């Protein structure tokens, strides 16, 4: 892979798609990622925010980072008191 020339969320396929100058194309299935790493609605919401607002950061997190640790760090769910 050389230089990234295209990165966008495709609503029709629910994938973040990347294209590089050497012709390599990658599609990340966002639903499969959410099912694998997100434990609650807050974590899913954080991933959705990245997908729609910063797909390059999302791709970097999924391909190079530790999404489970990231999600536990930035999201917090507290049970409601009855």
C-alpha atoms as a PDB file:
ATOM      1  CA  UNK A   1       0.000   0.000   0.000  1.00  0.00           C
ATOM      2  CA  UNK A   2       1.294   3.405  -0.892  1.00  0.00           C
ATOM      3  CA  UNK A   3      -0.715   6.569  -0.333  1.00  0.00           C
ATOM      4  CA  UNK A   4      -4.369   6.711   0.631  1.00  0.00           C
ATOM      5  CA  UNK A   5      -6.439   8.560  -1.977  1.00  0.00           C
ATOM      6  CA  UNK A   6      -9.975   7.756  -0.831  1.00  0.00           C
ATOM      7  CA  UNK A   7     -11.647   6.934   2.483  1.00  0.00           C
ATOM      8  CA  UNK A   8     -15.404   7.090   2.921  1.00  0.00           C
ATOM      9  CA  UNK A   9     -18.305   5.338   4.608  1.00  0.00           C
ATOM     10  CA  UNK A  10     -20.598   3.652   2.072  1.00  0.00           C
ATOM     11  CA  UNK A  11     -24.142   3.572   3.469  1.00  0.00           C
ATOM     12  CA  UNK A  12     -25.265   1.012   0.885  1.00  0.00           C
ATOM     13  CA  UNK A  13     -22.776  -1.626   2.039  1.00  0.00           C
ATOM     14  CA  UNK A  14     -22.230  -0.418   5.651  1.00  0.00           C
ATOM     15  CA  UNK A  15     -18.494  -0.489   4.974  1.00  0.00           C
ATOM     16  CA  UNK A  16     -15.721   2.055   5.311  1.00  0.00           C
ATOM     17  CA  UNK A  17     -13.946   1.877   1.965  1.00  0.00           C
ATOM     18  CA  UNK A  18     -10.319   2.808   1.307  1.00  0.00           C
ATOM     19  CA  UNK A  19      -8.457   3.100  -1.973  1.00  0.00           C
ATOM     20  CA  UNK A  20      -4.711   3.506  -2.367  1.00  0.00           C
ATOM     21  CA  UNK A  21      -2.621   4.871  -5.240  1.00  0.00           C
ATOM     22  CA  UNK A  22      -1.337   1.390  -6.119  1.00  0.00           C
ATOM     23  CA  UNK A  23      -4.913   0.181  -6.749  1.00  0.00           C
ATOM     24  CA  UNK A  24      -5.426  -1.715  -3.488  1.00  0.00           C
ATOM     25  CA  UNK A  25      -8.926  -1.366  -2.092  1.00  0.00           C
ATOM     26  CA  UNK A  26     -10.048  -2.291   1.421  1.00  0.00           C
ATOM     27  CA  UNK A  27     -13.603  -2.420   2.767  1.00  0.00           C
ATOM     28  CA  UNK A  28     -14.168  -2.698   6.520  1.00  0.00           C
ATOM     29  CA  UNK A  29     -17.556  -4.158   7.470  1.00  0.00           C
ATOM     30  CA  UNK A  30     -18.628  -1.816  10.269  1.00  0.00           C
ATOM     31  CA  UNK A  31     -21.484  -4.039  11.456  1.00  0.00           C
ATOM     32  CA  UNK A  32     -19.135  -6.996  11.920  1.00  0.00           C
ATOM     33  CA  UNK A  33     -16.671  -4.799  13.810  1.00  0.00           C
ATOM     34  CA  UNK A  34     -19.406  -3.477  16.122  1.00  0.00           C
ATOM     35  CA  UNK A  35     -20.667  -6.997  16.799  1.00  0.00           C
ATOM     36  CA  UNK A  36     -17.151  -8.109  17.674  1.00  0.00           C
ATOM     37  CA  UNK A  37     -15.839  -5.247  19.826  1.00  0.00           C
ATOM     38  CA  UNK A  38     -18.775  -3.199  21.182  1.00  0.00           C
ATOM     39  CA  UNK A  39     -20.429  -4.437  24.370  1.00  0.00           C
ATOM     40  CA  UNK A  40     -23.130  -1.787  24.802  1.00  0.00           C
ATOM     41  CA  UNK A  41     -24.979   1.038  23.069  1.00  0.00           C
ATOM     42  CA  UNK A  42     -22.459   3.642  24.239  1.00  0.00           C
ATOM     43  CA  UNK A  43     -19.585   1.838  22.586  1.00  0.00           C
ATOM     44  CA  UNK A  44     -21.604   1.348  19.403  1.00  0.00           C
ATOM     45  CA  UNK A  45     -22.446   5.035  19.448  1.00  0.00           C
ATOM     46  CA  UNK A  46     -18.765   5.975  19.743  1.00  0.00           C
ATOM     47  CA  UNK A  47     -17.887   3.767  16.775  1.00  0.00           C
ATOM     48  CA  UNK A  48     -20.776   5.249  14.779  1.00  0.00           C
ATOM     49  CA  UNK A  49     -19.538   8.753  15.564  1.00  0.00           C
ATOM     50  CA  UNK A  50     -16.093   7.898  14.180  1.00  0.00           C
ATOM     51  CA  UNK A  51     -17.552   6.187  11.113  1.00  0.00           C
ATOM     52  CA  UNK A  52     -19.635   9.208  10.112  1.00  0.00           C
ATOM     53  CA  UNK A  53     -17.385  12.051  11.282  1.00  0.00           C
ATOM     54  CA  UNK A  54     -13.815  10.765  11.015  1.00  0.00           C
ATOM     55  CA  UNK A  55     -13.591   7.564   8.953  1.00  0.00           C
ATOM     56  CA  UNK A  56      -9.792   7.793   8.744  1.00  0.00           C
ATOM     57  CA  UNK A  57      -9.520   7.733  12.552  1.00  0.00           C
ATOM     58  CA  UNK A  58     -11.946   4.779  12.575  1.00  0.00           C
ATOM     59  CA  UNK A  59      -9.803   2.870  10.082  1.00  0.00           C
ATOM     60  CA  UNK A  60      -6.645   3.656  12.035  1.00  0.00           C
ATOM     61  CA  UNK A  61      -8.277   2.417  15.248  1.00  0.00           C
ATOM     62  CA  UNK A  62      -9.507  -0.828  13.690  1.00  0.00           C
ATOM     63  CA  UNK A  63      -6.388  -1.669  11.655  1.00  0.00           C
ATOM     64  CA  UNK A  64      -3.632  -0.331  13.927  1.00  0.00           C
ATOM     65  CA  UNK A  65      -5.129   0.231  17.346  1.00  0.00           C
ATOM     66  CA  UNK A  66      -6.816  -1.641  20.158  1.00  0.00           C
ATOM     67  CA  UNK A  67     -10.544  -0.897  19.763  1.00  0.00           C
ATOM     68  CA  UNK A  68     -11.589  -2.736  22.939  1.00  0.00           C
ATOM     69  CA  UNK A  69      -9.262  -0.664  25.127  1.00  0.00           C
ATOM     70  CA  UNK A  70     -10.208   2.539  23.320  1.00  0.00           C
ATOM     71  CA  UNK A  71     -13.931   1.909  23.820  1.00  0.00           C
ATOM     72  CA  UNK A  72     -13.515   1.075  27.500  1.00  0.00           C
ATOM     73  CA  UNK A  73     -11.539   4.276  27.955  1.00  0.00           C
ATOM     74  CA  UNK A  74     -13.875   6.718  26.166  1.00  0.00           C
ATOM     75  CA  UNK A  75     -17.247   5.263  27.119  1.00  0.00           C
ATOM     76  CA  UNK A  76     -18.762   4.750  30.497  1.00  0.00           C
ATOM     77  CA  UNK A  77     -22.076   3.089  31.230  1.00  0.00           C
ATOM     78  CA  UNK A  78     -23.622   3.284  34.651  1.00  0.00           C
ATOM     79  CA  UNK A  79     -26.739   1.343  35.627  1.00  0.00           C
ATOM     80  CA  UNK A  80     -29.752   3.455  36.480  1.00  0.00           C
ATOM     81  CA  UNK A  81     -30.776   3.479  40.111  1.00  0.00           C
ATOM     82  CA  UNK A  82     -34.274   2.159  40.685  1.00  0.00           C
END
